[in-house]
PDB file of N, CA and C in Angstrom:
ATOM      1  N   UNK A   1      53.941   9.091   8.263  1.00  0.00           N
ATOM      2  CA  UNK A   1      53.218  10.332   8.425  1.00  0.00           C
ATOM      3  C   UNK A   1      52.109  10.120   9.460  1.00  0.00           C
ATOM      4  N   UNK A   2      52.042  10.981  10.448  1.00  0.00           N
ATOM      5  CA  UNK A   2      51.039  10.823  11.490  1.00  0.00           C
ATOM      6  C   UNK A   2      49.769  11.586  11.129  1.00  0.00           C
ATOM      7  N   UNK A   3      48.672  11.076  11.600  1.00  0.00           N
ATOM      8  CA  UNK A   3      47.376  11.717  11.362  1.00  0.00           C
ATOM      9  C   UNK A   3      46.924  12.413  12.616  1.00  0.00           C
ATOM     10  N   UNK A   4      46.520  13.638  12.478  1.00  0.00           N
ATOM     11  CA  UNK A   4      45.973  14.369  13.611  1.00  0.00           C
ATOM     12  C   UNK A   4      44.473  14.132  13.651  1.00  0.00           C
ATOM     13  N   UNK A   5      43.971  13.851  14.835  1.00  0.00           N
ATOM     14  CA  UNK A   5      42.540  13.657  14.969  1.00  0.00           C
ATOM     15  C   UNK A   5      41.927  14.912  15.557  1.00  0.00           C
ATOM     16  N   UNK A   6      40.743  15.222  15.092  1.00  0.00           N
ATOM     17  CA  UNK A   6      40.032  16.385  15.624  1.00  0.00           C
ATOM     18  C   UNK A   6      39.332  15.972  16.908  1.00  0.00           C
ATOM     19  N   UNK A   7      39.467  16.803  17.915  1.00  0.00           N
ATOM     20  CA  UNK A   7      38.769  16.548  19.164  1.00  0.00           C
ATOM     21  C   UNK A   7      37.523  17.413  19.202  1.00  0.00           C
ATOM     22  N   UNK A   8      36.449  16.825  19.659  1.00  0.00           N
ATOM     23  CA  UNK A   8      35.198  17.577  19.768  1.00  0.00           C
ATOM     24  C   UNK A   8      35.343  18.586  20.900  1.00  0.00           C
ATOM     25  N   UNK A   9      35.065  19.830  20.605  1.00  0.00           N
ATOM     26  CA  UNK A   9      35.150  20.876  21.612  1.00  0.00           C
ATOM     27  C   UNK A   9      33.752  21.155  22.155  1.00  0.00           C
ATOM     28  N   UNK A  10      33.619  21.023  23.474  1.00  0.00           N
ATOM     29  CA  UNK A  10      32.345  21.338  24.103  1.00  0.00           C
ATOM     30  C   UNK A  10      32.233  22.844  24.218  1.00  0.00           C
ATOM     31  N   UNK A  11      31.072  23.356  23.906  1.00  0.00           N
ATOM     32  CA  UNK A  11      30.874  24.793  24.029  1.00  0.00           C
ATOM     33  C   UNK A  11      30.333  25.114  25.412  1.00  0.00           C
ATOM     34  N   UNK A  12      30.684  26.270  25.889  1.00  0.00           N
ATOM     35  CA  UNK A  12      30.308  26.708  27.223  1.00  0.00           C
ATOM     36  C   UNK A  12      29.368  27.897  27.070  1.00  0.00           C
ATOM     37  N   UNK A  13      28.301  27.891  27.850  1.00  0.00           N
ATOM     38  CA  UNK A  13      27.378  29.021  27.783  1.00  0.00           C
ATOM     39  C   UNK A  13      28.022  30.243  28.435  1.00  0.00           C
ATOM     40  N   UNK A  14      27.469  31.395  28.157  1.00  0.00           N
ATOM     41  CA  UNK A  14      28.014  32.637  28.722  1.00  0.00           C
ATOM     42  C   UNK A  14      27.942  32.610  30.248  1.00  0.00           C
ATOM     43  N   UNK A  15      26.852  32.091  30.792  1.00  0.00           N
ATOM     44  CA  UNK A  15      26.697  32.019  32.251  1.00  0.00           C
ATOM     45  C   UNK A  15      27.745  31.079  32.862  1.00  0.00           C
ATOM     46  N   UNK A  16      28.027  29.950  32.208  1.00  0.00           N
ATOM     47  CA  UNK A  16      29.049  29.019  32.698  1.00  0.00           C
ATOM     48  C   UNK A  16      30.435  29.651  32.627  1.00  0.00           C
ATOM     49  N   UNK A  17      30.696  30.390  31.556  1.00  0.00           N
ATOM     50  CA  UNK A  17      31.983  31.068  31.403  1.00  0.00           C
ATOM     51  C   UNK A  17      32.199  32.082  32.526  1.00  0.00           C
ATOM     52  N   UNK A  18      31.183  32.894  32.787  1.00  0.00           N
ATOM     53  CA  UNK A  18      31.283  33.916  33.834  1.00  0.00           C
ATOM     54  C   UNK A  18      31.470  33.253  35.202  1.00  0.00           C
ATOM     55  N   UNK A  19      30.719  32.187  35.465  1.00  0.00           N
ATOM     56  CA  UNK A  19      30.830  31.491  36.750  1.00  0.00           C
ATOM     57  C   UNK A  19      32.207  30.868  36.924  1.00  0.00           C
ATOM     58  N   UNK A  20      32.820  30.424  35.838  1.00  0.00           N
ATOM     59  CA  UNK A  20      34.111  29.756  35.928  1.00  0.00           C
ATOM     60  C   UNK A  20      35.276  30.736  35.988  1.00  0.00           C
ATOM     61  N   UNK A  21      35.286  31.751  35.139  1.00  0.00           N
ATOM     62  CA  UNK A  21      36.471  32.574  34.962  1.00  0.00           C
ATOM     63  C   UNK A  21      36.368  34.002  35.496  1.00  0.00           C
ATOM     64  N   UNK A  22      35.187  34.488  35.802  1.00  0.00           N
ATOM     65  CA  UNK A  22      35.046  35.896  36.158  1.00  0.00           C
ATOM     66  C   UNK A  22      34.735  36.138  37.629  1.00  0.00           C
ATOM     67  N   UNK A  23      34.849  35.126  38.455  1.00  0.00           N
ATOM     68  CA  UNK A  23      34.623  35.303  39.878  1.00  0.00           C
ATOM     69  C   UNK A  23      35.907  35.755  40.556  1.00  0.00           C
ATOM     70  N   UNK A  24      35.758  36.550  41.596  1.00  0.00           N
ATOM     71  CA  UNK A  24      36.921  37.012  42.353  1.00  0.00           C
ATOM     72  C   UNK A  24      37.501  35.836  43.129  1.00  0.00           C
ATOM     73  N   UNK A  25      38.791  35.678  43.033  1.00  0.00           N
ATOM     74  CA  UNK A  25      39.475  34.602  43.738  1.00  0.00           C
ATOM     75  C   UNK A  25      40.263  35.204  44.898  1.00  0.00           C
ATOM     76  N   UNK A  26      40.080  34.676  46.071  1.00  0.00           N
ATOM     77  CA  UNK A  26      40.808  35.138  47.253  1.00  0.00           C
ATOM     78  C   UNK A  26      41.749  34.031  47.699  1.00  0.00           C
ATOM     79  N   UNK A  27      42.981  34.409  47.919  1.00  0.00           N
ATOM     80  CA  UNK A  27      43.974  33.459  48.409  1.00  0.00           C
ATOM     81  C   UNK A  27      44.342  33.878  49.823  1.00  0.00           C
ATOM     82  N   UNK A  28      44.121  33.002  50.768  1.00  0.00           N
ATOM     83  CA  UNK A  28      44.387  33.310  52.178  1.00  0.00           C
ATOM     84  C   UNK A  28      45.615  32.541  52.657  1.00  0.00           C
ATOM     85  N   UNK A  29      46.199  33.044  53.699  1.00  0.00           N
ATOM     86  CA  UNK A  29      47.332  32.382  54.350  1.00  0.00           C
ATOM     87  C   UNK A  29      48.516  32.190  53.403  1.00  0.00           C
ATOM     88  N   UNK A  30      48.869  33.244  52.682  1.00  0.00           N
ATOM     89  CA  UNK A  30      50.026  33.170  51.786  1.00  0.00           C
ATOM     90  C   UNK A  30      51.298  33.467  52.558  1.00  0.00           C
ATOM     91  N   UNK A  31      52.386  32.874  52.153  1.00  0.00           N
ATOM     92  CA  UNK A  31      53.697  33.112  52.745  1.00  0.00           C
ATOM     93  C   UNK A  31      54.678  33.454  51.632  1.00  0.00           C
ATOM     94  N   UNK A  32      55.551  34.397  51.901  1.00  0.00           N
ATOM     95  CA  UNK A  32      56.573  34.762  50.920  1.00  0.00           C
ATOM     96  C   UNK A  32      57.663  33.702  50.918  1.00  0.00           C
ATOM     97  N   UNK A  33      58.164  33.402  49.749  1.00  0.00           N
ATOM     98  CA  UNK A  33      59.253  32.438  49.607  1.00  0.00           C
ATOM     99  C   UNK A  33      60.389  33.143  48.894  1.00  0.00           C
ATOM    100  N   UNK A  34      61.554  33.134  49.503  1.00  0.00           N
ATOM    101  CA  UNK A  34      62.724  33.761  48.915  1.00  0.00           C
ATOM    102  C   UNK A  34      63.680  32.676  48.451  1.00  0.00           C
ATOM    103  N   UNK A  35      64.081  32.761  47.195  1.00  0.00           N
ATOM    104  CA  UNK A  35      64.989  31.769  46.622  1.00  0.00           C
ATOM    105  C   UNK A  35      66.267  32.500  46.210  1.00  0.00           C
ATOM    106  N   UNK A  36      67.363  32.041  46.759  1.00  0.00           N
ATOM    107  CA  UNK A  36      68.644  32.647  46.418  1.00  0.00           C
ATOM    108  C   UNK A  36      69.491  31.633  45.641  1.00  0.00           C
ATOM    109  N   UNK A  37      70.420  32.121  44.824  1.00  0.00           N
ATOM    110  CA  UNK A  37      71.271  31.198  44.069  1.00  0.00           C
ATOM    111  C   UNK A  37      72.189  30.436  45.026  1.00  0.00           C
ATOM    112  N   UNK A  38      72.543  29.220  44.632  1.00  0.00           N
ATOM    113  CA  UNK A  38      73.427  28.401  45.445  1.00  0.00           C
ATOM    114  C   UNK A  38      74.832  28.993  45.429  1.00  0.00           C
ATOM    115  N   UNK A  39      75.477  28.940  46.564  1.00  0.00           N
ATOM    116  CA  UNK A  39      76.851  29.461  46.662  1.00  0.00           C
ATOM    117  C   UNK A  39      77.839  28.387  46.201  1.00  0.00           C
ATOM    118  N   UNK A  40      78.838  28.824  45.466  1.00  0.00           N
ATOM    119  CA  UNK A  40      79.907  27.909  45.057  1.00  0.00           C
ATOM    120  C   UNK A  40      81.056  28.059  46.013  1.00  0.00           C
ATOM    121  N   UNK A  41      81.589  26.953  46.486  1.00  0.00           N
ATOM    122  CA  UNK A  41      82.706  26.991  47.432  1.00  0.00           C
ATOM    123  C   UNK A  41      83.974  26.542  46.786  1.00  0.00           C
TER     124      UNK A  41
END
């Protein structure tokens, strides 16, 4: 029987949460990628 260990969870302040997850992310220089199924011969 295996024992699960509890991991200490660090808490994040509201300001840290907003700075990490609520900022607008811009992705530049994107290229479309088209993937088609392989043909069987």
